[in-house]
Amino acid sequence: LQFAAETLPFGGVGPSGLGAYHGPEGFDTFSHKKAVVKQAKLNAAGLL
């Protein structure tokens, strides 16, 4: 039944696997979280 619970992560540990999918974990596993910063025209970066 753990496989049928789509909100739970599914995957192994050690010799039985690496990583997990299903539910939110599936989206995270097959996505790359790209960090993006857009600097404003007026900013205080020069103080550093």
All heavy atoms as atom14 arrays in JSON, in Angstrom:
{
  "sequence": "LQFAAETLPFGGVGPSGLGAYHGPEGFDTFSHKKAVVKQAKLNAAGLL",
  "atom14_mask": [
    [1, 1, 1, 1, 1, 1, 1, 1, 0, 0, 0, 0, 0, 0],
    [1, 1, 1, 1, 1, 1, 1, 1, 1, 0, 0, 0, 0, 0],
    [1, 1, 1, 1, 1, 1, 1, 1, 1, 1, 1, 0, 0, 0],
    [1, 1, 1, 1, 1, 0, 0, 0, 0, 0, 0, 0, 0, 0],
    [1, 1, 1, 1, 1, 0, 0, 0, 0, 0, 0, 0, 0, 0],
    [1, 1, 1, 1, 1, 1, 1, 1, 1, 0, 0, 0, 0, 0],
    [1, 1, 1, 1, 1, 1, 1, 0, 0, 0, 0, 0, 0, 0],
    [1, 1, 1, 1, 1, 1, 1, 1, 0, 0, 0, 0, 0, 0],
    [1, 1, 1, 1, 1, 1, 1, 0, 0, 0, 0, 0, 0, 0],
    [1, 1, 1, 1, 1, 1, 1, 1, 1, 1, 1, 0, 0, 0],
    [1, 1, 1, 1, 0, 0, 0, 0, 0, 0, 0, 0, 0, 0],
    [1, 1, 1, 1, 0, 0, 0, 0, 0, 0, 0, 0, 0, 0],
    [1, 1, 1, 1, 1, 1, 1, 0, 0, 0, 0, 0, 0, 0],
    [1, 1, 1, 1, 0, 0, 0, 0, 0, 0, 0, 0, 0, 0],
    [1, 1, 1, 1, 1, 1, 1, 0, 0, 0, 0, 0, 0, 0],
    [1, 1, 1, 1, 1, 1, 0, 0, 0, 0, 0, 0, 0, 0],
    [1, 1, 1, 1, 0, 0, 0, 0, 0, 0, 0, 0, 0, 0],
    [1, 1, 1, 1, 1, 1, 1, 1, 0, 0, 0, 0, 0, 0],
    [1, 1, 1, 1, 0, 0, 0, 0, 0, 0, 0, 0, 0, 0],
    [1, 1, 1, 1, 1, 0, 0, 0, 0, 0, 0, 0, 0, 0],
    [1, 1, 1, 1, 1, 1, 1, 1, 1, 1, 1, 1, 0, 0],
    [1, 1, 1, 1, 1, 1, 1, 1, 1, 1, 0, 0, 0, 0],
    [1, 1, 1, 1, 0, 0, 0, 0, 0, 0, 0, 0, 0, 0],
    [1, 1, 1, 1, 1, 1, 1, 0, 0, 0, 0, 0, 0, 0],
    [1, 1, 1, 1, 1, 1, 1, 1, 1, 0, 0, 0, 0, 0],
    [1, 1, 1, 1, 0, 0, 0, 0, 0, 0, 0, 0, 0, 0],
    [1, 1, 1, 1, 1, 1, 1, 1, 1, 1, 1, 0, 0, 0],
    [1, 1, 1, 1, 1, 1, 1, 1, 0, 0, 0, 0, 0, 0],
    [1, 1, 1, 1, 1, 1, 1, 0, 0, 0, 0, 0, 0, 0],
    [1, 1, 1, 1, 1, 1, 1, 1, 1, 1, 1, 0, 0, 0],
    [1, 1, 1, 1, 1, 1, 0, 0, 0, 0, 0, 0, 0, 0],
    [1, 1, 1, 1, 1, 1, 1, 1, 1, 1, 0, 0, 0, 0],
    [1, 1, 1, 1, 1, 1, 1, 1, 1, 0, 0, 0, 0, 0],
    [1, 1, 1, 1, 1, 1, 1, 1, 1, 0, 0, 0, 0, 0],
    [1, 1, 1, 1, 1, 0, 0, 0, 0, 0, 0, 0, 0, 0],
    [1, 1, 1, 1, 1, 1, 1, 0, 0, 0, 0, 0, 0, 0],
    [1, 1, 1, 1, 1, 1, 1, 0, 0, 0, 0, 0, 0, 0],
    [1, 1, 1, 1, 1, 1, 1, 1, 1, 0, 0, 0, 0, 0],
    [1, 1, 1, 1, 1, 1, 1, 1, 1, 0, 0, 0, 0, 0],
    [1, 1, 1, 1, 1, 0, 0, 0, 0, 0, 0, 0, 0, 0],
    [1, 1, 1, 1, 1, 1, 1, 1, 1, 0, 0, 0, 0, 0],
    [1, 1, 1, 1, 1, 1, 1, 1, 0, 0, 0, 0, 0, 0],
    [1, 1, 1, 1, 1, 1, 1, 1, 0, 0, 0, 0, 0, 0],
    [1, 1, 1, 1, 1, 0, 0, 0, 0, 0, 0, 0, 0, 0],
    [1, 1, 1, 1, 1, 0, 0, 0, 0, 0, 0, 0, 0, 0],
    [1, 1, 1, 1, 0, 0, 0, 0, 0, 0, 0, 0, 0, 0],
    [1, 1, 1, 1, 1, 1, 1, 1, 0, 0, 0, 0, 0, 0],
    [1, 1, 1, 1, 1, 1, 1, 1, 0, 0, 0, 0, 0, 0]
  ],
  "atom14_positions": [
    [[0.81, -1.22, 0.0], [0.0, 0.0, 0.0], [0.84, 1.27, 0.0], [0.34, 2.33, -0.37], [-0.95, 0.01, 1.2], [-2.0, -1.1, 1.23], [-2.94, -0.92, 2.41], [-2.79, -1.15, -0.07], [0.0, 0.0, 0.0], [0.0, 0.0, 0.0], [0.0, 0.0, 0.0], [0.0, 0.0, 0.0], [0.0, 0.0, 0.0], [0.0, 0.0, 0.0]],
    [[2.1, 1.19, 0.39], [2.95, 2.39, 0.37], [3.11, 2.91, -1.05], [3.29, 4.1, -1.27], [4.3, 2.1, 1.03], [5.32, 1.36, 0.18], [5.09, -0.14, 0.13], [4.02, -0.64, 0.38], [6.16, -0.87, -0.19], [0.0, 0.0, 0.0], [0.0, 0.0, 0.0], [0.0, 0.0, 0.0], [0.0, 0.0, 0.0], [0.0, 0.0, 0.0]],
    [[3.06, 2.0, -2.02], [3.21, 2.41, -3.42], [1.96, 3.13, -3.91], [2.04, 4.04, -4.73], [3.46, 1.17, -4.29], [3.7, 1.49, -5.74], [4.95, 1.86, -6.19], [2.67, 1.41, -6.67], [5.19, 2.16, -7.52], [2.89, 1.7, -8.0], [4.15, 2.08, -8.43], [0.0, 0.0, 0.0], [0.0, 0.0, 0.0], [0.0, 0.0, 0.0]],
    [[0.8, 2.74, -3.39], [-0.46, 3.32, -3.85], [-0.74, 4.69, -3.25], [-1.57, 5.44, -3.78], [-1.62, 2.37, -3.52], [0.0, 0.0, 0.0], [0.0, 0.0, 0.0], [0.0, 0.0, 0.0], [0.0, 0.0, 0.0], [0.0, 0.0, 0.0], [0.0, 0.0, 0.0], [0.0, 0.0, 0.0], [0.0, 0.0, 0.0], [0.0, 0.0, 0.0]],
    [[-0.06, 5.03, -2.16], [-0.27, 6.34, -1.53], [0.53, 7.39, -2.3], [1.72, 7.58, -2.04], [0.13, 6.29, -0.06], [0.0, 0.0, 0.0], [0.0, 0.0, 0.0], [0.0, 0.0, 0.0], [0.0, 0.0, 0.0], [0.0, 0.0, 0.0], [0.0, 0.0, 0.0], [0.0, 0.0, 0.0], [0.0, 0.0, 0.0], [0.0, 0.0, 0.0]],
    [[-0.13, 8.06, -3.23], [0.6, 8.92, -4.18], [1.21, 10.16, -3.53], [2.05, 10.81, -4.13], [-0.33, 9.34, -5.31], [-1.53, 10.15, -4.86], [-2.46, 10.5, -6.01], [-2.39, 9.81, -7.05], [-3.24, 11.45, -5.86], [0.0, 0.0, 0.0], [0.0, 0.0, 0.0], [0.0, 0.0, 0.0], [0.0, 0.0, 0.0], [0.0, 0.0, 0.0]],
    [[0.79, 10.5, -2.31], [1.39, 11.66, -1.64], [2.66, 11.29, -0.88], [3.34, 12.18, -0.37], [0.38, 12.28, -0.66], [-0.03, 11.28, 0.3], [-0.85, 12.79, -1.39], [0.0, 0.0, 0.0], [0.0, 0.0, 0.0], [0.0, 0.0, 0.0], [0.0, 0.0, 0.0], [0.0, 0.0, 0.0], [0.0, 0.0, 0.0], [0.0, 0.0, 0.0]],
    [[2.97, 9.99, -0.79], [4.17, 9.57, -0.09], [5.33, 9.39, -1.05], [5.13, 8.95, -2.18], [3.92, 8.24, 0.64], [2.93, 8.25, 1.8], [2.77, 6.85, 2.36], [3.37, 9.21, 2.9], [0.0, 0.0, 0.0], [0.0, 0.0, 0.0], [0.0, 0.0, 0.0], [0.0, 0.0, 0.0], [0.0, 0.0, 0.0], [0.0, 0.0, 0.0]],
    [[6.55, 9.69, -0.62], [7.71, 9.43, -1.49], [7.91, 7.94, -1.66], [7.67, 7.15, -0.74], [8.87, 10.08, -0.73], [8.43, 10.07, 0.7], [6.93, 10.28, 0.67], [0.0, 0.0, 0.0], [0.0, 0.0, 0.0], [0.0, 0.0, 0.0], [0.0, 0.0, 0.0], [0.0, 0.0, 0.0], [0.0, 0.0, 0.0], [0.0, 0.0, 0.0]],
    [[8.36, 7.54, -2.84], [8.63, 6.13, -3.1], [10.06, 5.99, -3.6], [10.45, 6.64, -4.56], [7.67, 5.56, -4.15], [7.95, 4.13, -4.49], [7.59, 3.12, -3.63], [8.6, 3.81, -5.68], [7.87, 1.79, -3.94], [8.88, 2.49, -5.99], [8.52, 1.48, -5.12], [0.0, 0.0, 0.0], [0.0, 0.0, 0.0], [0.0, 0.0, 0.0]],
    [[10.82, 5.15, -2.94], [12.2, 4.92, -3.35], [12.91, 4.03, -2.37], [12.38, 3.7, -1.3], [0.0, 0.0, 0.0], [0.0, 0.0, 0.0], [0.0, 0.0, 0.0], [0.0, 0.0, 0.0], [0.0, 0.0, 0.0], [0.0, 0.0, 0.0], [0.0, 0.0, 0.0], [0.0, 0.0, 0.0], [0.0, 0.0, 0.0], [0.0, 0.0, 0.0]],
    [[14.12, 3.63, -2.73], [14.89, 2.75, -1.89], [15.9, 3.49, -1.03], [15.94, 4.72, -1.0], [0.0, 0.0, 0.0], [0.0, 0.0, 0.0], [0.0, 0.0, 0.0], [0.0, 0.0, 0.0], [0.0, 0.0, 0.0], [0.0, 0.0, 0.0], [0.0, 0.0, 0.0], [0.0, 0.0, 0.0], [0.0, 0.0, 0.0], [0.0, 0.0, 0.0]],
    [[16.71, 2.7, -0.35], [17.76, 3.27, 0.49], [18.96, 2.33, 0.41], [18.82, 1.11, 0.52], [17.28, 3.45, 1.94], [16.75, 2.15, 2.53], [18.38, 4.03, 2.83], [0.0, 0.0, 0.0], [0.0, 0.0, 0.0], [0.0, 0.0, 0.0], [0.0, 0.0, 0.0], [0.0, 0.0, 0.0], [0.0, 0.0, 0.0], [0.0, 0.0, 0.0]],
    [[20.14, 2.88, 0.16], [21.32, 2.05, 0.05], [21.21, 1.09, -1.13], [20.9, 1.5, -2.25], [0.0, 0.0, 0.0], [0.0, 0.0, 0.0], [0.0, 0.0, 0.0], [0.0, 0.0, 0.0], [0.0, 0.0, 0.0], [0.0, 0.0, 0.0], [0.0, 0.0, 0.0], [0.0, 0.0, 0.0], [0.0, 0.0, 0.0], [0.0, 0.0, 0.0]],
    [[21.4, -0.21, -0.91], [21.37, -1.18, -2.0], [20.02, -1.29, -2.7], [19.95, -1.81, -3.82], [21.71, -2.51, -1.3], [22.41, -2.11, -0.06], [21.8, -0.82, 0.37], [0.0, 0.0, 0.0], [0.0, 0.0, 0.0], [0.0, 0.0, 0.0], [0.0, 0.0, 0.0], [0.0, 0.0, 0.0], [0.0, 0.0, 0.0], [0.0, 0.0, 0.0]],
    [[18.95, -0.81, -2.08], [17.63, -0.9, -2.72], [17.28, 0.35, -3.52], [16.19, 0.42, -4.1], [16.54, -1.19, -1.69], [16.45, -0.16, -0.71], [0.0, 0.0, 0.0], [0.0, 0.0, 0.0], [0.0, 0.0, 0.0], [0.0, 0.0, 0.0], [0.0, 0.0, 0.0], [0.0, 0.0, 0.0], [0.0, 0.0, 0.0], [0.0, 0.0, 0.0]],
    [[18.18, 1.32, -3.56], [17.89, 2.46, -4.43], [18.49, 3.77, -3.95], [19.1, 3.86, -2.88], [0.0, 0.0, 0.0], [0.0, 0.0, 0.0], [0.0, 0.0, 0.0], [0.0, 0.0, 0.0], [0.0, 0.0, 0.0], [0.0, 0.0, 0.0], [0.0, 0.0, 0.0], [0.0, 0.0, 0.0], [0.0, 0.0, 0.0], [0.0, 0.0, 0.0]],
    [[18.27, 4.77, -4.76], [18.83, 6.1, -4.52], [17.82, 7.13, -5.03], [17.46, 7.11, -6.2], [20.17, 6.25, -5.26], [20.86, 7.6, -5.21], [21.39, 7.85, -3.8], [22.02, 7.64, -6.2], [0.0, 0.0, 0.0], [0.0, 0.0, 0.0], [0.0, 0.0, 0.0], [0.0, 0.0, 0.0], [0.0, 0.0, 0.0], [0.0, 0.0, 0.0]],
    [[17.36, 8.0, -4.16], [16.38, 9.01, -4.55], [14.96, 8.49, -4.41], [14.72, 7.32, -4.11], [0.0, 0.0, 0.0], [0.0, 0.0, 0.0], [0.0, 0.0, 0.0], [0.0, 0.0, 0.0], [0.0, 0.0, 0.0], [0.0, 0.0, 0.0], [0.0, 0.0, 0.0], [0.0, 0.0, 0.0], [0.0, 0.0, 0.0], [0.0, 0.0, 0.0]],
    [[14.0, 9.38, -4.62], [12.59, 9.02, -4.47], [11.76, 9.83, -5.44], [12.16, 10.88, -5.92], [12.13, 9.28, -3.04], [0.0, 0.0, 0.0], [0.0, 0.0, 0.0], [0.0, 0.0, 0.0], [0.0, 0.0, 0.0], [0.0, 0.0, 0.0], [0.0, 0.0, 0.0], [0.0, 0.0, 0.0], [0.0, 0.0, 0.0], [0.0, 0.0, 0.0]],
    [[10.58, 9.3, -5.73], [9.62, 10.01, -6.57], [8.22, 9.71, -6.05], [8.06, 9.18, -4.96], [9.78, 9.66, -8.05], [9.99, 8.19, -8.35], [8.92, 7.34, -8.56], [11.28, 7.67, -8.45], [9.11, 6.01, -8.85], [11.48, 6.33, -8.75], [10.38, 5.5, -8.95], [10.58, 4.18, -9.23], [0.0, 0.0, 0.0], [0.0, 0.0, 0.0]],
    [[7.21, 10.08, -6.81], [5.79, 10.12, -6.41], [5.54, 11.43, -5.64], [6.39, 11.88, -4.87], [5.39, 8.94, -5.52], [5.26, 7.65, -6.26], [4.66, 6.54, -5.72], [5.65, 7.28, -7.5], [4.69, 5.54, -6.57], [5.3, 5.97, -7.67], [0.0, 0.0, 0.0], [0.0, 0.0, 0.0], [0.0, 0.0, 0.0], [0.0, 0.0, 0.0]],
    [[4.36, 12.0, -5.83], [3.97, 13.18, -5.09], [4.94, 14.34, -5.28], [5.63, 14.45, -6.3], [0.0, 0.0, 0.0], [0.0, 0.0, 0.0], [0.0, 0.0, 0.0], [0.0, 0.0, 0.0], [0.0, 0.0, 0.0], [0.0, 0.0, 0.0], [0.0, 0.0, 0.0], [0.0, 0.0, 0.0], [0.0, 0.0, 0.0], [0.0, 0.0, 0.0]],
    [[5.02, 15.2, -4.28], [5.92, 16.37, -4.37], [7.38, 15.96, -4.6], [8.12, 16.66, -5.3], [5.74, 17.07, -3.01], [4.42, 16.61, -2.52], [4.25, 15.2, -3.02], [0.0, 0.0, 0.0], [0.0, 0.0, 0.0], [0.0, 0.0, 0.0], [0.0, 0.0, 0.0], [0.0, 0.0, 0.0], [0.0, 0.0, 0.0], [0.0, 0.0, 0.0]],
    [[7.79, 14.84, -4.01], [9.17, 14.39, -4.19], [9.47, 14.08, -5.65], [10.59, 14.26, -6.12], [9.45, 13.16, -3.33], [9.65, 13.44, -1.86], [8.34, 13.7, -1.13], [7.27, 13.47, -1.72], [8.4, 14.12, 0.04], [0.0, 0.0, 0.0], [0.0, 0.0, 0.0], [0.0, 0.0, 0.0], [0.0, 0.0, 0.0], [0.0, 0.0, 0.0]],
    [[8.46, 13.58, -6.38], [8.66, 13.3, -7.8], [8.95, 14.56, -8.59], [9.83, 14.58, -9.46], [0.0, 0.0, 0.0], [0.0, 0.0, 0.0], [0.0, 0.0, 0.0], [0.0, 0.0, 0.0], [0.0, 0.0, 0.0], [0.0, 0.0, 0.0], [0.0, 0.0, 0.0], [0.0, 0.0, 0.0], [0.0, 0.0, 0.0], [0.0, 0.0, 0.0]],
    [[8.22, 15.63, -8.28], [8.47, 16.9, -8.96], [9.88, 17.4, -8.64], [10.62, 17.84, -9.53], [7.43, 17.94, -8.55], [7.58, 19.25, -9.25], [7.02, 19.46, -10.5], [8.3, 20.28, -8.68], [7.17, 20.68, -11.16], [8.46, 21.5, -9.33], [7.89, 21.69, -10.57], [0.0, 0.0, 0.0], [0.0, 0.0, 0.0], [0.0, 0.0, 0.0]],
    [[10.26, 17.33, -7.37], [11.59, 17.8, -6.97], [12.7, 16.95, -7.6], [13.73, 17.48, -8.04], [11.72, 17.78, -5.45], [10.86, 18.83, -4.77], [10.44, 19.79, -5.46], [10.59, 18.68, -3.57], [0.0, 0.0, 0.0], [0.0, 0.0, 0.0], [0.0, 0.0, 0.0], [0.0, 0.0, 0.0], [0.0, 0.0, 0.0], [0.0, 0.0, 0.0]],
    [[12.47, 15.63, -7.65], [13.49, 14.73, -8.18], [13.8, 15.02, -9.64], [14.96, 14.97, -10.07], [13.03, 13.27, -8.02], [13.02, 12.94, -6.63], [13.95, 12.3, -8.75], [0.0, 0.0, 0.0], [0.0, 0.0, 0.0], [0.0, 0.0, 0.0], [0.0, 0.0, 0.0], [0.0, 0.0, 0.0], [0.0, 0.0, 0.0], [0.0, 0.0, 0.0]],
    [[12.77, 15.32, -10.42], [12.96, 15.51, -11.86], [12.96, 16.98, -12.27], [12.72, 17.31, -13.42], [11.91, 14.72, -12.63], [12.01, 13.24, -12.39], [11.08, 12.59, -11.6], [13.05, 12.51, -12.93], [11.17, 11.23, -11.36], [13.17, 11.15, -12.7], [12.23, 10.51, -11.9], [0.0, 0.0, 0.0], [0.0, 0.0, 0.0], [0.0, 0.0, 0.0]],
    [[13.25, 17.85, -11.32], [13.35, 19.29, -11.59], [14.67, 19.81, -11.08], [15.32, 19.2, -10.23], [12.21, 20.06, -10.91], [10.95, 19.59, -11.32], [0.0, 0.0, 0.0], [0.0, 0.0, 0.0], [0.0, 0.0, 0.0], [0.0, 0.0, 0.0], [0.0, 0.0, 0.0], [0.0, 0.0, 0.0], [0.0, 0.0, 0.0], [0.0, 0.0, 0.0]],
    [[15.08, 20.94, -11.6], [16.24, 21.64, -11.07], [15.77, 22.99, -10.55], [15.17, 23.78, -11.29], [17.31, 21.86, -12.14], [18.39, 22.8, -11.69], [19.29, 22.49, -10.69], [18.7, 24.07, -12.09], [20.1, 23.5, -10.49], [19.77, 24.47, -11.33], [0.0, 0.0, 0.0], [0.0, 0.0, 0.0], [0.0, 0.0, 0.0], [0.0, 0.0, 0.0]],
    [[16.03, 23.26, -9.29], [15.64, 24.53, -8.69], [16.73, 25.57, -9.0], [17.82, 25.53, -8.43], [15.44, 24.38, -7.19], [14.28, 23.45, -6.82], [14.1, 23.34, -5.32], [12.93, 22.43, -4.98], [12.72, 22.3, -3.51], [0.0, 0.0, 0.0], [0.0, 0.0, 0.0], [0.0, 0.0, 0.0], [0.0, 0.0, 0.0], [0.0, 0.0, 0.0]],
    [[16.39, 26.44, -9.91], [17.36, 27.45, -10.34], [17.2, 28.71, -9.5], [16.11, 29.28, -9.41], [17.13, 27.8, -11.81], [18.11, 28.82, -12.36], [17.69, 29.3, -13.74], [17.74, 28.19, -14.76], [17.42, 28.7, -16.12], [0.0, 0.0, 0.0], [0.0, 0.0, 0.0], [0.0, 0.0, 0.0], [0.0, 0.0, 0.0], [0.0, 0.0, 0.0]],
    [[18.27, 29.13, -8.86], [18.24, 30.36, -8.06], [18.47, 31.56, -8.98], [19.45, 31.6, -9.73], [19.33, 30.32, -6.99], [0.0, 0.0, 0.0], [0.0, 0.0, 0.0], [0.0, 0.0, 0.0], [0.0, 0.0, 0.0], [0.0, 0.0, 0.0], [0.0, 0.0, 0.0], [0.0, 0.0, 0.0], [0.0, 0.0, 0.0], [0.0, 0.0, 0.0]],
    [[17.56, 32.53, -8.96], [17.63, 33.7, -9.84], [17.46, 34.96, -8.98], [16.53, 35.05, -8.17], [16.53, 33.67, -10.92], [16.57, 34.95, -11.75], [16.69, 32.44, -11.8], [0.0, 0.0, 0.0], [0.0, 0.0, 0.0], [0.0, 0.0, 0.0], [0.0, 0.0, 0.0], [0.0, 0.0, 0.0], [0.0, 0.0, 0.0], [0.0, 0.0, 0.0]],
    [[18.36, 35.93, -9.17], [18.26, 37.23, -8.5], [18.23, 38.3, -9.58], [19.08, 38.29, -10.48], [19.45, 37.47, -7.55], [19.38, 38.89, -6.97], [19.45, 36.44, -6.44], [0.0, 0.0, 0.0], [0.0, 0.0, 0.0], [0.0, 0.0, 0.0], [0.0, 0.0, 0.0], [0.0, 0.0, 0.0], [0.0, 0.0, 0.0], [0.0, 0.0, 0.0]],
    [[17.27, 39.22, -9.51], [17.2, 40.34, -10.44], [17.43, 41.62, -9.63], [16.64, 41.98, -8.78], [15.84, 40.38, -11.14], [15.62, 39.19, -12.07], [14.3, 39.28, -12.8], [14.12, 38.1, -13.77], [12.84, 38.19, -14.51], [0.0, 0.0, 0.0], [0.0, 0.0, 0.0], [0.0, 0.0, 0.0], [0.0, 0.0, 0.0], [0.0, 0.0, 0.0]],
    [[18.55, 42.26, -9.94], [18.94, 43.44, -9.19], [18.12, 44.66, -9.63], [17.84, 44.86, -10.82], [20.43, 43.71, -9.41], [21.01, 44.88, -8.66], [20.93, 44.72, -7.16], [19.86, 44.93, -6.58], [22.04, 44.32, -6.55], [0.0, 0.0, 0.0], [0.0, 0.0, 0.0], [0.0, 0.0, 0.0], [0.0, 0.0, 0.0], [0.0, 0.0, 0.0]],
    [[17.72, 45.49, -8.66], [16.97, 46.71, -8.94], [17.92, 47.83, -9.4], [19.13, 47.79, -9.15], [16.2, 47.15, -7.7], [0.0, 0.0, 0.0], [0.0, 0.0, 0.0], [0.0, 0.0, 0.0], [0.0, 0.0, 0.0], [0.0, 0.0, 0.0], [0.0, 0.0, 0.0], [0.0, 0.0, 0.0], [0.0, 0.0, 0.0], [0.0, 0.0, 0.0]],
    [[17.34, 48.84, -10.08], [18.16, 49.98, -10.51], [18.78, 50.68, -9.32], [19.95, 51.05, -9.32], [17.31, 50.95, -11.32], [16.99, 50.49, -12.72], [16.24, 51.57, -13.48], [15.95, 51.15, -14.91], [15.24, 52.2, -15.67], [0.0, 0.0, 0.0], [0.0, 0.0, 0.0], [0.0, 0.0, 0.0], [0.0, 0.0, 0.0], [0.0, 0.0, 0.0]],
    [[17.95, 50.91, -8.3], [18.44, 51.55, -7.08], [18.7, 50.47, -6.06], [17.79, 49.74, -5.66], [17.41, 52.54, -6.55], [17.08, 53.71, -7.48], [15.99, 54.59, -6.86], [18.33, 54.54, -7.75], [0.0, 0.0, 0.0], [0.0, 0.0, 0.0], [0.0, 0.0, 0.0], [0.0, 0.0, 0.0], [0.0, 0.0, 0.0], [0.0, 0.0, 0.0]],
    [[19.95, 50.3, -5.65], [20.29, 49.25, -4.69], [21.5, 49.69, -3.87], [22.16, 50.66, -4.19], [20.58, 47.94, -5.41], [21.76, 48.05, -6.35], [22.91, 48.0, -5.92], [21.48, 48.22, -7.65], [0.0, 0.0, 0.0], [0.0, 0.0, 0.0], [0.0, 0.0, 0.0], [0.0, 0.0, 0.0], [0.0, 0.0, 0.0], [0.0, 0.0, 0.0]],
    [[21.77, 48.93, -2.83], [22.86, 49.27, -1.91], [24.06, 48.36, -2.07], [24.9, 48.26, -1.18], [22.35, 49.21, -0.47], [0.0, 0.0, 0.0], [0.0, 0.0, 0.0], [0.0, 0.0, 0.0], [0.0, 0.0, 0.0], [0.0, 0.0, 0.0], [0.0, 0.0, 0.0], [0.0, 0.0, 0.0], [0.0, 0.0, 0.0], [0.0, 0.0, 0.0]],
    [[24.16, 47.67, -3.21], [25.26, 46.72, -3.4], [26.62, 47.41, -3.33], [27.6, 46.81, -2.89], [25.1, 46.01, -4.74], [0.0, 0.0, 0.0], [0.0, 0.0, 0.0], [0.0, 0.0, 0.0], [0.0, 0.0, 0.0], [0.0, 0.0, 0.0], [0.0, 0.0, 0.0], [0.0, 0.0, 0.0], [0.0, 0.0, 0.0], [0.0, 0.0, 0.0]],
    [[26.66, 48.68, -3.74], [27.94, 49.39, -3.71], [28.5, 49.56, -2.32], [29.72, 49.71, -2.16], [0.0, 0.0, 0.0], [0.0, 0.0, 0.0], [0.0, 0.0, 0.0], [0.0, 0.0, 0.0], [0.0, 0.0, 0.0], [0.0, 0.0, 0.0], [0.0, 0.0, 0.0], [0.0, 0.0, 0.0], [0.0, 0.0, 0.0], [0.0, 0.0, 0.0]],
    [[27.65, 49.49, -1.29], [28.14, 49.63, 0.08], [29.01, 48.45, 0.5], [29.73, 48.53, 1.49], [26.95, 49.77, 1.04], [26.06, 51.0, 0.83], [24.88, 50.96, 1.78], [26.86, 52.29, 1.04], [0.0, 0.0, 0.0], [0.0, 0.0, 0.0], [0.0, 0.0, 0.0], [0.0, 0.0, 0.0], [0.0, 0.0, 0.0], [0.0, 0.0, 0.0]],
    [[28.91, 47.35, -0.24], [29.66, 46.15, 0.12], [31.01, 46.09, -0.57], [31.78, 45.15, -0.36], [28.84, 44.9, -0.25], [27.45, 44.81, 0.4], [26.72, 43.58, -0.11], [27.56, 44.79, 1.92], [0.0, 0.0, 0.0], [0.0, 0.0, 0.0], [0.0, 0.0, 0.0], [0.0, 0.0, 0.0], [0.0, 0.0, 0.0], [0.0, 0.0, 0.0]]
  ]
}
